[in-house]
Structures are given as structure tokens and as C-alpha cells.
N, C-alpha and C. Protein backbone atom coordinates (compact mmCIF):
# COMPACT_ATOMS: atom_id res chain seq x y z
N MET A 1 -43.15 -0.07 7.35
CA MET A 1 -41.90 -0.05 6.60
C MET A 1 -42.10 -0.73 5.26
N THR A 2 -41.44 -0.18 4.31
CA THR A 2 -41.52 -0.77 2.98
C THR A 2 -40.43 -1.82 2.83
N SER A 3 -40.55 -2.59 1.80
CA SER A 3 -39.58 -3.67 1.59
C SER A 3 -38.19 -3.12 1.27
N SER A 4 -38.10 -1.96 0.63
CA SER A 4 -36.79 -1.39 0.32
C SER A 4 -36.09 -0.92 1.60
N GLN A 5 -36.85 -0.41 2.57
CA GLN A 5 -36.25 0.00 3.84
C GLN A 5 -35.77 -1.21 4.63
N ILE A 6 -36.53 -2.28 4.60
CA ILE A 6 -36.13 -3.51 5.30
C ILE A 6 -34.89 -4.09 4.66
N ASP A 7 -34.81 -4.05 3.33
CA ASP A 7 -33.62 -4.55 2.64
C ASP A 7 -32.40 -3.71 2.97
N ALA A 8 -32.58 -2.41 3.08
CA ALA A 8 -31.45 -1.51 3.40
C ALA A 8 -30.95 -1.78 4.81
N ILE A 9 -31.84 -2.01 5.74
CA ILE A 9 -31.44 -2.27 7.12
C ILE A 9 -30.75 -3.62 7.22
N SER A 10 -31.26 -4.62 6.55
CA SER A 10 -30.66 -5.95 6.64
C SER A 10 -29.35 -6.03 5.85
N ALA A 11 -29.16 -5.18 4.86
CA ALA A 11 -27.93 -5.22 4.05
C ALA A 11 -26.77 -4.53 4.75
N THR A 12 -27.02 -3.68 5.69
CA THR A 12 -25.96 -2.92 6.35
C THR A 12 -24.96 -3.80 7.09
N PRO A 13 -25.37 -4.81 7.89
CA PRO A 13 -24.36 -5.65 8.54
C PRO A 13 -23.50 -6.43 7.56
N VAL A 14 -24.08 -6.84 6.43
CA VAL A 14 -23.31 -7.56 5.43
C VAL A 14 -22.25 -6.65 4.84
N ALA A 15 -22.60 -5.40 4.59
CA ALA A 15 -21.64 -4.45 4.05
C ALA A 15 -20.53 -4.19 5.05
N ARG A 16 -20.87 -4.10 6.33
CA ARG A 16 -19.87 -3.89 7.37
C ARG A 16 -18.92 -5.08 7.46
N LYS A 17 -19.45 -6.27 7.39
CA LYS A 17 -18.60 -7.47 7.43
C LYS A 17 -17.67 -7.51 6.23
N SER A 18 -18.19 -7.14 5.08
CA SER A 18 -17.37 -7.10 3.88
C SER A 18 -16.26 -6.07 4.00
N LEU A 19 -16.58 -4.91 4.57
CA LEU A 19 -15.60 -3.86 4.76
C LEU A 19 -14.52 -4.29 5.75
N VAL A 20 -14.91 -4.97 6.81
CA VAL A 20 -13.95 -5.46 7.79
C VAL A 20 -13.02 -6.50 7.17
N LYS A 21 -13.58 -7.40 6.37
CA LYS A 21 -12.75 -8.41 5.71
C LYS A 21 -11.79 -7.77 4.72
N THR A 22 -12.23 -6.75 4.01
CA THR A 22 -11.36 -6.04 3.07
C THR A 22 -10.22 -5.36 3.81
N LYS A 23 -10.52 -4.73 4.94
CA LYS A 23 -9.48 -4.08 5.73
C LYS A 23 -8.49 -5.10 6.28
N GLU A 24 -8.99 -6.26 6.70
CA GLU A 24 -8.11 -7.30 7.21
C GLU A 24 -7.19 -7.82 6.11
N LYS A 25 -7.72 -8.00 4.91
CA LYS A 25 -6.90 -8.47 3.79
C LYS A 25 -5.84 -7.44 3.43
N LEU A 26 -6.22 -6.15 3.43
CA LEU A 26 -5.28 -5.09 3.12
C LEU A 26 -4.21 -5.00 4.19
N SER A 27 -4.60 -5.14 5.44
CA SER A 27 -3.65 -5.11 6.53
C SER A 27 -2.66 -6.27 6.45
N THR A 28 -3.16 -7.43 6.12
CA THR A 28 -2.30 -8.60 5.97
C THR A 28 -1.33 -8.43 4.80
N LEU A 29 -1.82 -7.88 3.70
CA LEU A 29 -0.98 -7.64 2.53
C LEU A 29 0.12 -6.62 2.84
N LEU A 30 -0.23 -5.54 3.52
CA LEU A 30 0.77 -4.54 3.89
C LEU A 30 1.81 -5.11 4.84
N TYR A 31 1.38 -5.94 5.77
CA TYR A 31 2.32 -6.58 6.69
C TYR A 31 3.28 -7.49 5.93
N ARG A 32 2.78 -8.25 5.01
CA ARG A 32 3.64 -9.14 4.23
C ARG A 32 4.61 -8.36 3.34
N LEU A 33 4.16 -7.25 2.77
CA LEU A 33 5.05 -6.42 1.97
C LEU A 33 6.14 -5.78 2.84
N MET A 34 5.79 -5.40 4.07
CA MET A 34 6.77 -4.85 4.99
C MET A 34 7.84 -5.90 5.33
N ILE A 35 7.42 -7.11 5.55
CA ILE A 35 8.36 -8.18 5.85
C ILE A 35 9.25 -8.46 4.63
N LEU A 36 8.68 -8.46 3.43
CA LEU A 36 9.46 -8.64 2.21
C LEU A 36 10.47 -7.51 2.05
N TYR A 37 10.06 -6.28 2.32
CA TYR A 37 10.97 -5.14 2.22
C TYR A 37 12.12 -5.30 3.21
N ARG A 38 11.80 -5.68 4.43
CA ARG A 38 12.86 -5.88 5.44
C ARG A 38 13.81 -6.99 5.01
N PHE A 39 13.28 -8.03 4.42
CA PHE A 39 14.12 -9.13 3.97
C PHE A 39 15.08 -8.67 2.88
N VAL A 40 14.58 -7.87 1.95
CA VAL A 40 15.43 -7.34 0.87
C VAL A 40 16.49 -6.40 1.44
N VAL A 41 16.09 -5.54 2.38
CA VAL A 41 17.06 -4.63 3.01
C VAL A 41 18.11 -5.43 3.76
N ALA A 42 17.69 -6.45 4.48
CA ALA A 42 18.65 -7.26 5.24
C ALA A 42 19.58 -8.03 4.31
N LEU A 43 19.04 -8.56 3.24
CA LEU A 43 19.84 -9.37 2.33
C LEU A 43 20.81 -8.51 1.52
N LEU A 44 20.29 -7.55 0.79
CA LEU A 44 21.13 -6.73 -0.08
C LEU A 44 21.92 -5.68 0.68
N GLY A 45 21.25 -4.99 1.60
CA GLY A 45 21.93 -3.97 2.39
C GLY A 45 22.99 -4.56 3.29
N GLY A 46 22.69 -5.69 3.89
CA GLY A 46 23.67 -6.38 4.72
C GLY A 46 24.87 -6.84 3.91
N TYR A 47 24.61 -7.27 2.69
CA TYR A 47 25.71 -7.69 1.82
C TYR A 47 26.62 -6.51 1.47
N VAL A 48 26.02 -5.40 1.10
CA VAL A 48 26.81 -4.21 0.76
C VAL A 48 27.59 -3.73 1.98
N LEU A 49 26.94 -3.71 3.13
CA LEU A 49 27.61 -3.28 4.36
C LEU A 49 28.78 -4.20 4.69
N SER A 50 28.58 -5.48 4.59
CA SER A 50 29.65 -6.42 4.94
C SER A 50 30.78 -6.40 3.91
N SER A 51 30.45 -6.24 2.64
CA SER A 51 31.52 -6.21 1.64
C SER A 51 32.34 -4.92 1.74
N LEU A 52 31.69 -3.80 2.01
CA LEU A 52 32.45 -2.56 2.21
C LEU A 52 33.34 -2.64 3.44
N SER A 53 32.82 -3.23 4.50
CA SER A 53 33.65 -3.37 5.70
C SER A 53 34.80 -4.33 5.46
N ALA A 54 34.59 -5.38 4.68
CA ALA A 54 35.68 -6.32 4.37
C ALA A 54 36.76 -5.63 3.55
N ILE A 55 36.35 -4.81 2.61
CA ILE A 55 37.33 -4.08 1.79
C ILE A 55 38.17 -3.15 2.67
N LEU A 56 37.52 -2.42 3.55
CA LEU A 56 38.25 -1.48 4.40
C LEU A 56 39.14 -2.18 5.41
N ILE A 57 38.69 -3.29 5.96
CA ILE A 57 39.52 -4.04 6.90
C ILE A 57 40.73 -4.63 6.19
N ALA A 58 40.52 -5.16 5.00
CA ALA A 58 41.64 -5.72 4.24
C ALA A 58 42.63 -4.62 3.85
N GLU A 59 42.14 -3.42 3.54
CA GLU A 59 43.04 -2.31 3.22
C GLU A 59 43.81 -1.85 4.44
N ALA A 60 43.17 -1.87 5.60
CA ALA A 60 43.83 -1.42 6.82
C ALA A 60 44.96 -2.35 7.23
N PHE A 61 44.81 -3.63 7.00
CA PHE A 61 45.82 -4.61 7.39
C PHE A 61 46.46 -5.26 6.16
N SER A 62 46.86 -4.44 5.22
CA SER A 62 47.34 -4.96 3.94
C SER A 62 48.79 -5.45 3.97
N GLU A 63 49.49 -5.35 5.10
CA GLU A 63 50.87 -5.83 5.15
C GLU A 63 50.94 -7.34 4.92
N ASP A 64 50.07 -8.06 5.59
CA ASP A 64 49.98 -9.51 5.41
C ASP A 64 48.66 -9.80 4.69
N ARG A 65 48.72 -9.85 3.38
CA ARG A 65 47.51 -9.88 2.56
C ARG A 65 46.64 -11.11 2.80
N GLY A 66 47.22 -12.26 3.00
CA GLY A 66 46.44 -13.48 3.22
C GLY A 66 45.66 -13.43 4.52
N SER A 67 46.33 -13.05 5.59
CA SER A 67 45.64 -12.95 6.87
C SER A 67 44.61 -11.83 6.87
N ALA A 68 44.93 -10.73 6.19
CA ALA A 68 43.99 -9.61 6.12
C ALA A 68 42.72 -10.02 5.38
N ALA A 69 42.88 -10.74 4.29
CA ALA A 69 41.71 -11.18 3.52
C ALA A 69 40.87 -12.18 4.31
N MET A 70 41.51 -13.10 4.98
CA MET A 70 40.77 -14.09 5.77
C MET A 70 40.06 -13.44 6.96
N GLY A 71 40.77 -12.58 7.66
CA GLY A 71 40.15 -11.89 8.80
C GLY A 71 39.02 -10.98 8.38
N ALA A 72 39.20 -10.27 7.26
CA ALA A 72 38.15 -9.39 6.77
C ALA A 72 36.92 -10.17 6.35
N THR A 73 37.12 -11.35 5.78
CA THR A 73 35.99 -12.19 5.37
C THR A 73 35.20 -12.68 6.58
N ILE A 74 35.91 -13.07 7.62
CA ILE A 74 35.24 -13.54 8.83
C ILE A 74 34.45 -12.41 9.49
N VAL A 75 35.06 -11.24 9.59
CA VAL A 75 34.38 -10.10 10.18
C VAL A 75 33.18 -9.69 9.32
N ALA A 76 33.34 -9.73 8.01
CA ALA A 76 32.24 -9.38 7.11
C ALA A 76 31.06 -10.33 7.28
N PHE A 77 31.34 -11.61 7.45
CA PHE A 77 30.25 -12.57 7.69
C PHE A 77 29.52 -12.24 8.99
N LEU A 78 30.25 -11.88 10.03
CA LEU A 78 29.63 -11.51 11.30
C LEU A 78 28.80 -10.24 11.16
N ILE A 79 29.29 -9.28 10.41
CA ILE A 79 28.55 -8.04 10.21
C ILE A 79 27.26 -8.30 9.43
N TRP A 80 27.34 -9.14 8.41
CA TRP A 80 26.15 -9.45 7.63
C TRP A 80 25.10 -10.14 8.50
N THR A 81 25.55 -11.07 9.32
CA THR A 81 24.63 -11.77 10.21
C THR A 81 24.00 -10.81 11.21
N ALA A 82 24.80 -9.93 11.80
CA ALA A 82 24.29 -8.96 12.76
C ALA A 82 23.32 -7.98 12.09
N ALA A 83 23.62 -7.56 10.87
CA ALA A 83 22.74 -6.65 10.15
C ALA A 83 21.41 -7.32 9.85
N PHE A 84 21.45 -8.58 9.46
CA PHE A 84 20.22 -9.32 9.15
C PHE A 84 19.34 -9.43 10.39
N ILE A 85 19.95 -9.76 11.51
CA ILE A 85 19.18 -9.86 12.75
C ILE A 85 18.65 -8.50 13.17
N TRP A 86 19.48 -7.46 13.05
CA TRP A 86 19.09 -6.13 13.50
C TRP A 86 17.92 -5.58 12.69
N VAL A 87 17.88 -5.84 11.39
CA VAL A 87 16.79 -5.32 10.56
C VAL A 87 15.45 -5.85 11.03
N PHE A 88 15.40 -7.08 11.46
CA PHE A 88 14.14 -7.65 11.93
C PHE A 88 13.88 -7.38 13.41
N MET A 89 14.87 -6.88 14.11
CA MET A 89 14.72 -6.62 15.54
C MET A 89 14.11 -5.25 15.83
N VAL A 90 14.40 -4.25 15.01
CA VAL A 90 13.92 -2.89 15.28
C VAL A 90 12.43 -2.78 14.97
N ASN A 91 11.79 -1.81 15.61
CA ASN A 91 10.34 -1.66 15.46
C ASN A 91 9.93 -0.94 14.19
N LYS A 92 10.68 0.04 13.78
CA LYS A 92 10.30 0.87 12.63
C LYS A 92 11.07 0.44 11.39
N THR A 93 10.37 0.39 10.27
CA THR A 93 10.99 0.02 9.01
C THR A 93 11.96 1.10 8.54
N LEU A 94 11.62 2.36 8.79
CA LEU A 94 12.52 3.46 8.43
C LEU A 94 13.83 3.38 9.20
N LYS A 95 13.73 3.05 10.46
CA LYS A 95 14.93 2.90 11.28
C LYS A 95 15.79 1.75 10.77
N ALA A 96 15.17 0.68 10.35
CA ALA A 96 15.91 -0.45 9.79
C ALA A 96 16.62 -0.06 8.51
N SER A 97 15.92 0.69 7.65
CA SER A 97 16.52 1.13 6.39
C SER A 97 17.68 2.07 6.62
N LEU A 98 17.46 3.07 7.46
CA LEU A 98 18.52 4.04 7.73
C LEU A 98 19.69 3.40 8.46
N GLY A 99 19.42 2.41 9.29
CA GLY A 99 20.48 1.72 10.01
C GLY A 99 21.40 0.91 9.12
N ILE A 100 20.95 0.60 7.93
CA ILE A 100 21.79 -0.10 6.95
C ILE A 100 22.38 0.90 5.95
N ILE A 101 21.57 1.83 5.48
CA ILE A 101 22.01 2.76 4.44
C ILE A 101 23.08 3.72 4.93
N LEU A 102 22.90 4.31 6.11
CA LEU A 102 23.87 5.29 6.61
C LEU A 102 25.26 4.70 6.84
N PRO A 103 25.39 3.55 7.50
CA PRO A 103 26.74 2.97 7.61
C PRO A 103 27.35 2.61 6.26
N CYS A 104 26.52 2.18 5.31
CA CYS A 104 27.04 1.89 3.97
C CYS A 104 27.59 3.15 3.32
N LEU A 105 26.87 4.25 3.46
CA LEU A 105 27.35 5.51 2.89
C LEU A 105 28.64 5.98 3.56
N ILE A 106 28.71 5.84 4.87
CA ILE A 106 29.93 6.25 5.59
C ILE A 106 31.12 5.40 5.16
N LEU A 107 30.93 4.10 5.07
CA LEU A 107 32.02 3.22 4.65
C LEU A 107 32.42 3.49 3.20
N PHE A 108 31.45 3.81 2.35
CA PHE A 108 31.77 4.12 0.96
C PHE A 108 32.58 5.42 0.85
N VAL A 109 32.23 6.41 1.65
CA VAL A 109 32.98 7.67 1.64
C VAL A 109 34.40 7.44 2.13
N ILE A 110 34.55 6.65 3.18
CA ILE A 110 35.91 6.32 3.67
C ILE A 110 36.70 5.58 2.60
N TYR A 111 36.05 4.65 1.93
CA TYR A 111 36.70 3.90 0.85
C TYR A 111 37.19 4.83 -0.27
N LYS A 112 36.34 5.78 -0.63
CA LYS A 112 36.73 6.73 -1.69
C LYS A 112 37.82 7.68 -1.20
N LEU A 113 37.81 8.05 0.06
CA LEU A 113 38.83 8.94 0.60
C LEU A 113 40.20 8.27 0.66
N LEU A 114 40.20 6.96 0.75
CA LEU A 114 41.48 6.23 0.77
C LEU A 114 42.10 6.14 -0.62
N GLY A 115 41.40 6.62 -1.63
CA GLY A 115 41.98 6.68 -2.97
C GLY A 115 41.61 5.54 -3.88
N ASN A 116 40.56 4.87 -3.63
CA ASN A 116 40.16 3.73 -4.48
C ASN A 116 38.96 4.09 -5.31
């Protein structure tokens, strides 16, 4: 065997280790980005969902405006908390996104249909 063949054989495990470390770093980065995305969906999407639900609840019980506003705020806080927990509980990121976006769209359509 020549020295170049010996170098090629001995260099192969080092290249494999480097490739494995690169894949691990990429996997870790993708996982962290997924968690960041879920956090943003939970924070912003949960806020939009809870505020739309508070608006609709307050509109539904508008006879007593003070009680309607207080009750809607309490329910909105519970919805935001439940949405935040639910986003991190589901297995698929797409399911988490759609689980926040679709109810927001439905509540927005109802809000617009009520004439606001």
C-alpha cells in the first residue's frame, strides 16, 4: 500500500465523525427553531384567539356591559392559557398551527358577520 492509500483509509473515520457531528448540530438547530416557532404561535396566535373570543363574548352579553367585559376577559385569559398549553402538547407543528389559525379565522368571520 502506498502512503496516499493509507491516508485515505485513516481519514475516512474522521470524515464520518465530522459528518455525524454536523448532522447532530443541524438536528439540534432545527429542534430549537421548531420550539421557537411553537412559542411564537402560542404567544401571538393565542393572543389573537383569546382577544377575538373576548370580543364575541362581550358582544353576546352586551346588556350588562361591565359584567360582560369582566367575564369575557376572564374567559379570554383561560383560552389563551389553554391555547399555549395545547400548542406544546400536540405532536405535529402543522397541527398546532392549524389548531390556532382555524379557530381564529372562524371567530373573525363571525365577528365580521355581526356587523363590526
